N, C-alpha and C. Protein backbone atom coordinates (compact mmCIF):
# COMPACT_ATOMS: atom_id res chain seq x y z
N MET A 1 64.71 68.05 28.76
CA MET A 1 64.20 69.91 28.24
C MET A 1 63.37 69.70 30.09
N ALA A 2 63.40 71.44 29.63
CA ALA A 2 63.43 71.97 30.57
C ALA A 2 61.33 71.97 31.17
N ARG A 3 61.20 72.19 32.70
CA ARG A 3 60.16 71.24 32.64
C ARG A 3 59.27 73.49 32.53
N LYS A 4 58.00 72.92 32.96
CA LYS A 4 56.88 74.54 32.56
C LYS A 4 57.55 74.93 34.45
N ARG A 5 56.61 76.49 34.40
CA ARG A 5 57.26 76.38 35.58
C ARG A 5 55.79 76.58 36.18
N MET A 6 56.09 75.70 37.55
CA MET A 6 55.29 75.40 37.98
C MET A 6 54.05 76.48 39.10
N LYS A 7 53.30 77.21 40.03
CA LYS A 7 52.99 78.42 40.99
C LYS A 7 53.49 77.19 42.88
N VAL A 8 53.84 77.93 42.73
CA VAL A 8 54.49 77.33 44.11
C VAL A 8 53.48 77.85 45.50
N GLY A 9 52.97 77.34 47.07
CA GLY A 9 52.32 77.63 47.99
C GLY A 9 52.90 79.49 47.97
N THR A 10 53.75 79.14 48.20
CA THR A 10 53.87 81.02 48.55
C THR A 10 54.36 82.52 47.67
N GLY A 11 54.24 81.91 46.30
CA GLY A 11 53.91 83.06 45.55
C GLY A 11 55.12 82.68 44.40
N GLU A 12 55.97 82.02 43.97
CA GLU A 12 56.83 81.77 43.93
C GLU A 12 57.09 80.95 42.95
N CYS A 13 57.30 81.01 41.77
CA CYS A 13 57.66 79.87 40.28
C CYS A 13 59.02 79.49 40.47
N SER A 14 59.21 78.07 39.85
CA SER A 14 60.31 77.18 39.90
C SER A 14 60.23 76.05 38.48
N ALA A 15 61.31 76.11 38.40
CA ALA A 15 61.22 74.94 36.80
C ALA A 15 61.85 74.12 37.40
N LEU A 16 62.80 74.11 38.63
CA LEU A 16 63.62 72.85 39.25
C LEU A 16 62.69 71.63 40.03
N THR A 17 62.89 70.82 40.00
CA THR A 17 62.78 69.65 40.81
C THR A 17 63.11 69.66 42.74
N ARG A 18 62.40 69.68 42.86
CA ARG A 18 63.05 69.37 44.47
C ARG A 18 64.56 68.81 44.57
N ALA A 19 64.86 67.67 44.39
CA ALA A 19 66.28 67.09 44.25
C ALA A 19 67.25 68.70 43.81
N GLN A 20 67.10 69.17 42.71
CA GLN A 20 67.20 69.82 41.75
C GLN A 20 67.89 71.19 42.92
N GLN A 21 66.57 71.68 43.46
CA GLN A 21 66.44 73.21 44.35
C GLN A 21 67.47 72.31 46.06
N ASP A 22 67.06 71.68 46.20
CA ASP A 22 67.58 71.35 47.34
C ASP A 22 69.17 71.53 47.31
N GLU A 23 69.98 70.37 45.98
CA GLU A 23 71.60 70.21 45.55
C GLU A 23 71.70 72.00 45.58
N LEU A 24 70.79 73.33 44.79
CA LEU A 24 70.65 74.01 44.10
C LEU A 24 71.77 74.94 45.79
N GLU A 25 70.67 75.00 46.40
CA GLU A 25 70.48 75.32 47.93
C GLU A 25 72.18 75.38 48.75
N HIS A 26 72.39 74.25 48.38
CA HIS A 26 73.87 73.32 48.99
C HIS A 26 74.44 74.23 48.17
N ILE A 27 75.13 74.07 47.36
CA ILE A 27 76.09 74.53 46.37
C ILE A 27 76.48 75.83 47.00
N ILE A 28 75.03 77.00 46.43
CA ILE A 28 74.82 78.56 46.94
C ILE A 28 75.34 78.38 48.27
N CYS A 29 74.74 77.61 49.15
CA CYS A 29 75.31 77.89 50.67
C CYS A 29 76.57 77.96 50.84
N ALA A 30 77.67 76.94 50.70
CA ALA A 30 78.51 76.57 50.70
C ALA A 30 79.59 77.51 50.05
N ALA A 31 79.11 78.22 48.73
CA ALA A 31 79.94 78.99 48.00
C ALA A 31 79.75 80.19 48.98
N MET A 32 79.03 80.82 49.79
CA MET A 32 78.57 81.69 49.91
C MET A 32 79.38 81.70 51.36
N GLU A 33 79.15 80.42 52.13
CA GLU A 33 80.42 80.68 53.37
C GLU A 33 82.10 80.61 53.36
N GLY A 34 82.47 79.98 52.47
CA GLY A 34 83.05 79.96 51.31
C GLY A 34 83.57 81.04 50.91
N GLY A 35 83.03 81.89 50.84
CA GLY A 35 83.13 84.08 50.04
C GLY A 35 84.04 83.26 48.60
N ALA A 36 83.49 81.50 47.83
CA ALA A 36 84.10 80.90 46.78
C ALA A 36 82.82 81.40 45.64
N GLN A 37 82.88 81.93 44.60
CA GLN A 37 81.98 82.10 43.36
C GLN A 37 81.50 80.46 42.97
N ILE A 38 80.73 81.03 42.49
CA ILE A 38 79.66 79.65 42.09
C ILE A 38 79.76 79.81 40.75
N PRO A 39 80.33 77.84 41.00
CA PRO A 39 80.54 77.98 39.35
C PRO A 39 79.52 77.30 38.36
N TRP A 40 78.05 78.32 37.71
CA TRP A 40 77.36 78.05 37.26
C TRP A 40 77.54 77.49 35.87
N ARG A 41 78.68 77.13 34.94
CA ARG A 41 78.50 76.50 34.08
C ARG A 41 79.20 75.09 34.21
N LYS A 42 79.83 74.79 35.42
CA LYS A 42 80.12 73.49 36.28
C LYS A 42 78.55 72.95 36.26
N MET A 43 77.83 73.40 37.53
CA MET A 43 76.90 73.21 37.26
C MET A 43 75.95 72.92 36.45
N ILE A 44 76.27 73.35 34.95
CA ILE A 44 75.39 73.20 33.78
C ILE A 44 75.47 71.76 33.44
N GLU A 45 76.75 71.21 32.91
CA GLU A 45 77.36 70.50 32.53
C GLU A 45 77.31 69.11 34.01
N SER A 46 76.78 69.12 34.73
CA SER A 46 77.05 68.04 35.66
C SER A 46 75.39 67.52 35.35
N ALA A 47 75.72 66.33 35.70
CA ALA A 47 74.21 65.23 35.06
C ALA A 47 73.27 65.63 36.05
N SER A 48 73.15 66.87 37.31
CA SER A 48 71.92 66.45 39.08
C SER A 48 71.21 68.06 37.47
N PHE A 49 71.67 68.72 36.80
CA PHE A 49 71.04 69.78 36.05
C PHE A 49 71.59 69.98 34.25
N ALA A 50 71.79 69.08 33.58
CA ALA A 50 72.10 68.75 32.95
C ALA A 50 70.79 69.26 32.04
N ASN A 51 69.50 68.84 32.16
CA ASN A 51 68.01 70.30 32.08
C ASN A 51 67.41 71.10 32.14
N LEU A 52 68.65 71.57 32.02
CA LEU A 52 67.86 73.11 32.88
C LEU A 52 69.30 74.57 31.48
N THR A 53 69.06 75.06 31.39
CA THR A 53 69.75 76.26 30.63
C THR A 53 70.05 77.19 31.80
N TYR A 54 71.43 77.96 31.33
CA TYR A 54 72.10 78.07 32.28
C TYR A 54 72.08 79.57 32.30
N ASP A 55 70.58 80.13 31.89
CA ASP A 55 70.18 81.46 32.06
C ASP A 55 69.16 80.63 33.25
N LEU A 56 68.03 80.32 33.19
CA LEU A 56 67.40 79.50 33.68
C LEU A 56 68.09 78.93 35.02
N LEU A 57 69.23 77.70 35.26
CA LEU A 57 69.65 77.83 36.13
C LEU A 57 70.36 79.01 37.31
N ARG A 58 71.00 80.44 36.93
CA ARG A 58 71.16 81.35 36.95
C ARG A 58 70.63 82.25 37.61
N ARG A 59 69.37 82.23 36.92
CA ARG A 59 68.15 83.03 37.81
C ARG A 59 67.37 82.51 39.27
N GLU A 60 67.31 81.00 38.41
CA GLU A 60 67.29 79.91 39.91
C GLU A 60 67.92 80.10 41.06
N GLY A 61 68.71 80.10 41.00
CA GLY A 61 70.41 80.75 41.45
C GLY A 61 70.28 81.73 42.15
N LYS A 62 70.06 83.20 41.93
CA LYS A 62 69.88 84.45 42.40
C LYS A 62 68.39 84.08 42.93
N THR A 63 67.58 83.44 42.49
CA THR A 63 66.16 83.24 44.29
C THR A 63 66.68 83.01 45.33
N VAL A 64 67.45 81.57 45.03
CA VAL A 64 68.24 80.72 46.21
C VAL A 64 68.88 81.69 47.11
N MET A 65 69.48 82.62 46.10
CA MET A 65 70.52 83.75 46.88
C MET A 65 69.96 84.56 47.67
N ARG A 66 69.12 85.60 47.26
CA ARG A 66 68.09 86.24 48.03
C ARG A 66 67.40 85.90 49.10
N GLN A 67 66.93 84.88 49.06
CA GLN A 67 65.79 83.86 50.26
C GLN A 67 67.42 83.36 51.42
N LEU A 68 68.57 83.19 51.07
CA LEU A 68 69.63 83.17 51.96
C LEU A 68 69.62 84.36 52.49
N SER A 69 70.65 84.96 52.15
CA SER A 69 70.65 86.75 52.21
C SER A 69 69.16 86.73 53.17
N LYS A 70 68.49 86.91 53.10
CA LYS A 70 67.08 87.09 54.28
C LYS A 70 67.13 86.56 55.77
N GLN A 71 67.72 85.35 55.43
CA GLN A 71 67.86 84.73 56.38
C GLN A 71 68.24 84.86 57.47
N ARG A 72 69.87 84.97 57.10
CA ARG A 72 70.90 85.12 57.65
C ARG A 72 70.75 86.71 58.51
N PRO A 73 71.19 87.03 59.86
CA PRO A 73 71.14 87.81 60.18
C PRO A 73 71.99 88.95 59.77
N GLY A 74 72.85 89.06 58.95
CA GLY A 74 74.20 90.53 58.69
C GLY A 74 74.96 89.11 58.21
N PRO A 75 75.40 90.24 57.49
CA PRO A 75 76.85 89.66 56.53
C PRO A 75 78.06 88.91 56.87
N ILE A 76 78.20 87.77 56.19
CA ILE A 76 78.96 86.74 56.97
C ILE A 76 80.75 87.56 56.95
N LYS A 77 81.33 87.40 58.16
CA LYS A 77 82.63 87.28 58.75
C LYS A 77 83.23 86.67 58.75
N ARG A 78 83.78 86.04 57.64
CA ARG A 78 84.10 84.78 58.87
C ARG A 78 86.02 85.31 57.94
N ARG A 79 86.14 85.81 56.90
CA ARG A 79 87.76 86.19 56.89
C ARG A 79 87.63 87.87 57.87
N VAL A 80 87.22 88.46 57.60
CA VAL A 80 87.35 89.67 59.22
C VAL A 80 88.28 88.60 60.83
N SER A 81 87.20 88.06 61.00
CA SER A 81 87.47 86.47 62.34
C SER A 81 88.77 85.62 61.93
N ASP A 82 88.85 85.70 60.96
CA ASP A 82 90.47 84.61 60.72
C ASP A 82 91.36 85.63 61.50
N VAL A 83 91.36 87.44 60.21
CA VAL A 83 92.37 87.77 60.33
C VAL A 83 92.33 88.81 62.13
N ASP A 84 91.05 88.99 63.29
CA ASP A 84 91.20 88.63 64.74
C ASP A 84 92.04 88.07 65.22
N GLU A 85 91.57 86.88 64.64
CA GLU A 85 92.10 85.65 65.89
C GLU A 85 94.01 85.04 64.97
N ALA A 86 94.20 85.51 64.32
CA ALA A 86 96.05 86.03 64.33
C ALA A 86 96.27 87.03 64.89
N PHE A 87 95.74 87.74 64.82
CA PHE A 87 96.23 88.99 65.61
C PHE A 87 96.09 88.96 67.21
N ALA A 88 95.42 88.45 67.87
CA ALA A 88 94.70 88.15 69.12
C ALA A 88 95.94 88.33 69.75
N GLU A 89 96.07 86.94 69.61
CA GLU A 89 97.97 87.00 70.71
C GLU A 89 99.23 87.18 70.01
N PRO A 90 99.65 88.24 70.05
CA PRO A 90 100.88 88.92 69.99
C PRO A 90 101.54 88.31 70.00
N GLU A 91 102.95 87.68 69.51
CA GLU A 91 104.12 87.07 70.39
C GLU A 91 104.64 88.34 71.46
N PRO A 92 105.16 87.65 72.32
CA PRO A 92 105.70 88.96 73.62
C PRO A 92 106.63 88.82 73.15
N LEU A 93 107.37 90.37 73.27
CA LEU A 93 108.43 90.89 73.39
C LEU A 93 109.87 90.57 74.30
N ASP A 94 109.06 90.74 75.15
CA ASP A 94 110.21 89.71 76.01
C ASP A 94 111.02 88.85 75.85
N GLU A 95 110.16 87.76 75.24
CA GLU A 95 111.19 86.46 74.07
C GLU A 95 111.67 86.87 73.40
N ARG A 96 110.88 88.10 71.74
CA ARG A 96 111.40 88.15 70.86
C ARG A 96 112.97 88.78 71.14
N VAL A 97 113.03 89.26 72.37
CA VAL A 97 114.58 90.55 72.87
C VAL A 97 114.81 89.04 73.90
N SER A 98 114.49 88.03 73.83
CA SER A 98 115.66 87.02 74.26
C SER A 98 116.51 86.47 73.97
N GLU A 99 115.46 86.08 72.17
CA GLU A 99 115.91 84.67 71.36
C GLU A 99 117.42 86.03 70.57
N LEU A 100 116.59 87.63 70.21
CA LEU A 100 117.97 88.25 69.84
C LEU A 100 118.72 88.63 70.42
N GLU A 101 119.18 88.42 72.13
CA GLU A 101 120.32 88.97 72.14
C GLU A 101 121.18 87.61 72.49
N ALA A 102 120.03 86.54 72.18
CA ALA A 102 121.04 84.87 71.84
C ALA A 102 121.92 84.62 71.03
N LEU A 103 121.11 85.54 69.67
CA LEU A 103 121.38 85.44 68.96
C LEU A 103 123.25 86.14 68.39
N TYR A 104 122.83 87.48 69.51
CA TYR A 104 123.84 88.09 69.47
C TYR A 104 124.78 87.72 70.46
N ALA A 105 124.84 86.95 71.46
CA ALA A 105 125.64 86.48 71.96
C ALA A 105 126.38 85.62 71.40
N ARG A 106 125.58 84.30 70.42
CA ARG A 106 126.03 83.54 69.40
C ARG A 106 127.25 84.71 68.60
N LYS A 107 127.05 86.01 68.06
CA LYS A 107 127.28 86.00 66.68
C LYS A 107 129.37 86.22 66.69
N ASP A 108 129.46 86.13 67.97
CA ASP A 108 131.05 86.37 68.11
C ASP A 108 131.64 85.23 67.92
N GLU A 109 131.13 83.72 68.61
CA GLU A 109 130.91 82.49 67.89
C GLU A 109 131.07 81.89 66.79
N LEU A 110 129.92 82.33 66.17
CA LEU A 110 129.93 82.30 64.72
C LEU A 110 130.95 83.13 63.94
N VAL A 111 131.49 83.92 64.44
CA VAL A 111 132.12 84.77 63.12
C VAL A 111 133.73 83.98 63.16
N SER A 112 133.84 83.93 65.03
CA SER A 112 134.98 83.02 65.27
C SER A 112 135.49 80.93 64.48
N ASP A 113 134.03 81.04 64.49
CA ASP A 113 134.01 79.46 63.18
C ASP A 113 134.65 79.68 62.01
N GLY A 114 133.51 81.01 61.83
CA GLY A 114 133.89 81.47 59.61
C GLY A 114 135.14 81.18 59.90
N GLY A 115 136.20 82.61 60.83
CA GLY A 115 137.29 82.70 60.99
C GLY A 115 138.25 81.51 60.83
N ASN A 116 138.15 80.79 60.98
CA ASN A 116 138.31 78.70 61.62
C ASN A 116 138.32 78.24 60.41
N GLN A 117 137.21 78.13 59.99
CA GLN A 117 136.74 77.83 59.30
C GLN A 117 138.04 78.34 56.88
N ILE A 118 137.76 80.03 57.04
CA ILE A 118 138.64 80.34 56.74
C ILE A 118 140.08 79.68 56.92
N LYS A 119 140.67 80.39 57.83
CA LYS A 119 141.89 80.01 57.78
C LYS A 119 142.08 78.40 57.30
N ALA A 120 141.73 77.28 57.85
CA ALA A 120 141.48 75.88 57.02
C ALA A 120 141.78 76.09 55.98
N LEU A 121 140.98 76.53 55.04
CA LEU A 121 141.20 76.17 53.35
C LEU A 121 141.93 77.38 53.18
N LYS A 122 142.28 78.34 54.04
CA LYS A 122 143.77 78.39 53.45
C LYS A 122 144.55 77.40 53.70
N GLN A 123 145.02 76.99 54.17
CA GLN A 123 146.30 75.92 54.94
C GLN A 123 145.96 74.90 53.65
N GLN A 124 144.42 74.59 53.36
CA GLN A 124 144.24 73.52 51.91
C GLN A 124 145.01 73.87 50.79
N VAL A 125 144.17 75.44 50.44
CA VAL A 125 145.30 75.72 49.45
C VAL A 125 146.33 75.87 49.47
N LYS A 126 147.42 75.67 49.93
CA LYS A 126 149.27 76.06 50.32
C LYS A 126 149.47 74.34 49.84
N GLN A 127 148.66 73.54 50.83
CA GLN A 127 149.15 72.25 50.71
C GLN A 127 148.68 71.84 49.29
N LEU A 128 147.76 72.37 48.29
CA LEU A 128 147.08 72.24 46.82
C LEU A 128 148.59 72.80 46.14
N LYS A 129 148.47 73.71 46.11
CA LYS A 129 150.04 74.56 46.04
C LYS A 129 151.28 74.05 45.19
N ALA A 130 151.83 73.19 47.28
CA ALA A 130 152.60 72.55 46.90
C ALA A 130 152.44 71.51 45.93
N VAL A 131 151.30 70.42 46.10
CA VAL A 131 151.53 69.50 45.70
C VAL A 131 152.01 69.12 43.96
N ILE A 132 150.79 70.48 43.52
CA ILE A 132 150.55 70.90 42.53
C ILE A 132 152.69 71.23 41.80
N ALA A 133 153.44 72.22 43.37
CA ALA A 133 154.37 72.26 42.47
C ALA A 133 155.36 71.64 42.73
N GLU A 134 155.71 70.36 43.35
CA GLU A 134 156.14 69.21 43.18
C GLU A 134 156.09 68.10 42.10
N LYS A 135 154.05 68.67 41.10
CA LYS A 135 154.20 67.56 39.96
C LYS A 135 154.65 68.25 39.23
N ASP A 136 154.88 69.40 39.65
CA ASP A 136 155.15 70.54 38.06
C ASP A 136 156.94 69.88 37.79
N ALA A 137 157.37 69.92 39.09
CA ALA A 137 158.88 69.51 39.21
C ALA A 137 159.67 68.46 38.85
N PHE A 138 158.32 67.24 39.01
CA PHE A 138 158.62 66.19 38.22
C PHE A 138 158.44 65.55 37.45
N LEU A 139 157.27 66.58 37.00
CA LEU A 139 157.10 66.47 35.23
C LEU A 139 157.94 67.19 34.69
N ALA A 140 158.75 68.11 35.03
CA ALA A 140 159.95 69.08 34.25
C ALA A 140 161.16 68.21 34.39
N GLU A 141 160.96 67.36 35.51
CA GLU A 141 162.48 66.29 35.68
C GLU A 141 162.14 65.19 34.28
N GLU A 142 160.98 64.73 34.50
CA GLU A 142 160.65 63.72 33.12
C GLU A 142 160.75 64.31 31.57
N GLN A 143 160.67 65.30 31.77
CA GLN A 143 161.05 65.84 30.18
C GLN A 143 161.94 65.79 29.92
N LYS A 144 163.00 66.77 31.07
CA LYS A 144 164.42 66.29 31.12
C LYS A 144 165.39 64.97 30.10
N ARG A 145 164.34 64.38 31.77
CA ARG A 145 165.60 62.56 31.08
C ARG A 145 164.70 62.63 30.02
N GLN A 146 163.45 62.26 29.18
CA GLN A 146 162.82 61.72 28.16
C GLN A 146 163.86 62.97 26.83
N LYS A 147 164.63 64.05 26.82
CA LYS A 147 164.97 64.39 25.80
C LYS A 147 166.34 63.75 26.08
N GLN A 148 167.05 63.34 26.87
CA GLN A 148 168.30 62.45 27.22
C GLN A 148 168.35 61.73 26.35
N ALA A 149 167.06 60.79 27.09
CA ALA A 149 166.80 59.69 26.77
C ALA A 149 166.47 59.65 24.68
N GLU A 150 166.05 60.67 23.87
CA GLU A 150 165.56 60.76 23.09
C GLU A 150 167.35 60.52 22.60
N SER A 151 168.49 62.06 23.21
CA SER A 151 169.34 62.16 22.06
C SER A 151 170.56 60.81 22.68
N LEU A 152 170.47 59.91 23.16
CA LEU A 152 170.76 58.59 23.55
C LEU A 152 170.48 57.52 22.77
N GLN A 153 169.32 57.80 21.92
CA GLN A 153 168.47 56.52 21.17
C GLN A 153 169.34 57.00 19.84
N GLN A 154 169.57 58.41 19.42
CA GLN A 154 170.31 58.98 18.82
C GLN A 154 171.73 58.60 18.01
N CYS A 155 172.41 59.22 19.17
CA CYS A 155 174.02 58.67 19.70
C CYS A 155 173.77 57.40 18.93
N ILE A 156 173.18 55.94 19.58
CA ILE A 156 172.88 54.97 19.07
C ILE A 156 172.76 54.54 17.88
N SER A 157 171.83 55.60 16.93
CA SER A 157 171.49 54.80 15.68
C SER A 157 172.69 55.80 14.96
N GLU A 158 173.49 56.69 15.42
CA GLU A 158 174.54 57.44 14.67
C GLU A 158 176.13 55.92 14.65
N LEU A 159 175.71 55.46 15.47
CA LEU A 159 176.87 54.55 15.48
C LEU A 159 177.02 53.30 15.63
N SER A 160 175.74 53.05 15.47
CA SER A 160 175.08 51.60 14.42
C SER A 160 175.63 51.99 13.16
N ALA A 161 175.14 52.66 12.70
CA ALA A 161 175.65 53.24 11.50
C ALA A 161 176.52 53.59 10.76
N ILE A 162 177.93 53.67 12.29
CA ILE A 162 179.43 54.06 11.65
C ILE A 162 179.67 52.34 11.83
N ILE A 163 179.73 51.75 12.58
CA ILE A 163 179.63 50.05 12.95
C ILE A 163 179.56 49.80 11.59
N ALA A 164 178.07 49.50 10.99
CA ALA A 164 178.06 49.36 10.37
C ALA A 164 178.60 49.02 8.72
N SER A 165 178.96 51.33 8.48
CA SER A 165 180.01 51.51 7.86
C SER A 165 181.04 50.92 8.08
N LYS A 166 181.75 50.51 8.82
CA LYS A 166 183.18 50.05 9.17
C LYS A 166 183.60 48.84 9.13
N ASP A 167 181.99 48.04 9.17
CA ASP A 167 181.93 46.85 8.63
C ASP A 167 182.44 46.54 6.86
N VAL A 168 181.53 46.90 6.50
CA VAL A 168 181.61 47.47 4.74
C VAL A 168 183.01 47.59 4.45
N LEU A 169 183.58 48.11 4.58
CA LEU A 169 185.07 48.67 4.66
C LEU A 169 186.10 47.55 4.83
N LEU A 170 185.41 47.68 6.25
CA LEU A 170 186.77 45.83 6.49
C LEU A 170 186.72 44.89 5.57
N ALA A 171 185.47 44.23 5.44
CA ALA A 171 185.26 43.58 4.16
C ALA A 171 186.15 43.87 3.00
N GLU A 172 185.42 44.89 2.82
CA GLU A 172 186.58 45.46 1.53
C GLU A 172 187.96 45.31 1.17
N ALA A 173 188.45 45.96 2.50
CA ALA A 173 189.72 45.33 2.59
C ALA A 173 190.22 43.95 2.85
N ASN A 174 189.79 43.74 3.61
CA ASN A 174 189.95 41.72 3.63
C ASN A 174 189.99 41.61 1.95
N ALA A 175 188.74 41.63 1.13
CA ALA A 175 188.68 41.04 -0.20
C ALA A 175 190.00 41.36 -1.05
N ARG A 176 190.76 42.65 -0.95
CA ARG A 176 191.61 43.49 -1.57
C ARG A 176 193.00 42.50 -0.45
N TYR A 177 193.12 42.40 0.39
CA TYR A 177 194.71 41.49 1.17
C TYR A 177 193.81 40.28 0.24
N GLU A 178 193.44 39.90 -0.03
CA GLU A 178 192.84 38.00 -0.03
C GLU A 178 193.04 37.99 -1.90
N ALA A 179 192.97 39.29 -2.16
CA ALA A 179 193.63 39.29 -3.66
C ALA A 179 194.94 39.97 -4.06
N LEU A 180 195.49 40.21 -3.37
CA LEU A 180 196.98 41.17 -2.64
C LEU A 180 197.81 39.93 -2.80
N VAL A 181 197.29 38.43 -1.82
CA VAL A 181 197.54 37.51 -1.42
C VAL A 181 197.97 36.50 -2.22
N GLU A 182 196.87 36.35 -3.05
CA GLU A 182 197.03 35.23 -4.17
C GLU A 182 197.87 35.85 -5.44
N GLY A 183 197.76 37.19 -5.45
CA GLY A 183 198.40 37.80 -6.95
C GLY A 183 199.95 37.40 -6.44
N ILE A 184 200.29 37.91 -5.78
CA ILE A 184 201.60 37.51 -4.53
C ILE A 184 202.62 36.20 -5.32
N ARG A 185 201.11 34.51 -4.84
CA ARG A 185 201.08 33.76 -4.19
C ARG A 185 201.59 33.02 -6.35
N GLN A 186 200.87 34.02 -6.68
CA GLN A 186 201.26 33.54 -9.12
C GLN A 186 202.27 34.24 -8.70
N LEU A 187 203.08 34.89 -8.83
CA LEU A 187 203.73 35.69 -9.18
C LEU A 187 205.36 34.78 -8.64
N ALA A 188 205.01 34.57 -6.87
CA ALA A 188 205.96 33.62 -6.90
C ALA A 188 206.19 32.33 -7.87
N SER A 189 205.25 31.74 -7.03
CA SER A 189 204.79 30.85 -8.27
C SER A 189 205.67 30.23 -9.99
N GLY A 190 205.17 31.47 -10.48
CA GLY A 190 205.68 31.91 -11.56
C GLY A 190 207.59 32.13 -11.81
N GLU A 191 208.22 32.40 -10.95
CA GLU A 191 209.86 32.19 -10.73
C GLU A 191 209.50 31.33 -10.80
């Protein structure tokens, strides 16, 4: 619950406790020095300022900001001074020129190294192409052998069929021969 405004000895009114005023001054001072925005909404959500409304906290904060601005002799030049320090000591040109000359001197060496690497890569490509050609020739030879083996297997199958049919014919010829021999014996014994 918000407290009633009380008259302070300097003629100003305040609804904040002394602890809240101190914390508010600390937060606003830090924000002004850092160039950051003041987190009014987050402050309302904190336990320290939970009993205050947004408008009241902001109004009290603006009062504190005016007081702090009066106490400071002039505007904060933090960012400008940082920039001044950054450009205060430029890099000597002689040092930069010598670095560039050293890089230029290494240029031929770097180009030579790059050329050597390209030659080595081309040699590797040639070797890989030779290996691939050798493997292709080997595969072609293997395919040729495979076809020859298949043809030979076909011939063996045909010969086996011929031999099997010859065996059948031979068995039939033997049976006829035996029948003829038996017939001749019977004729010879009948006389």
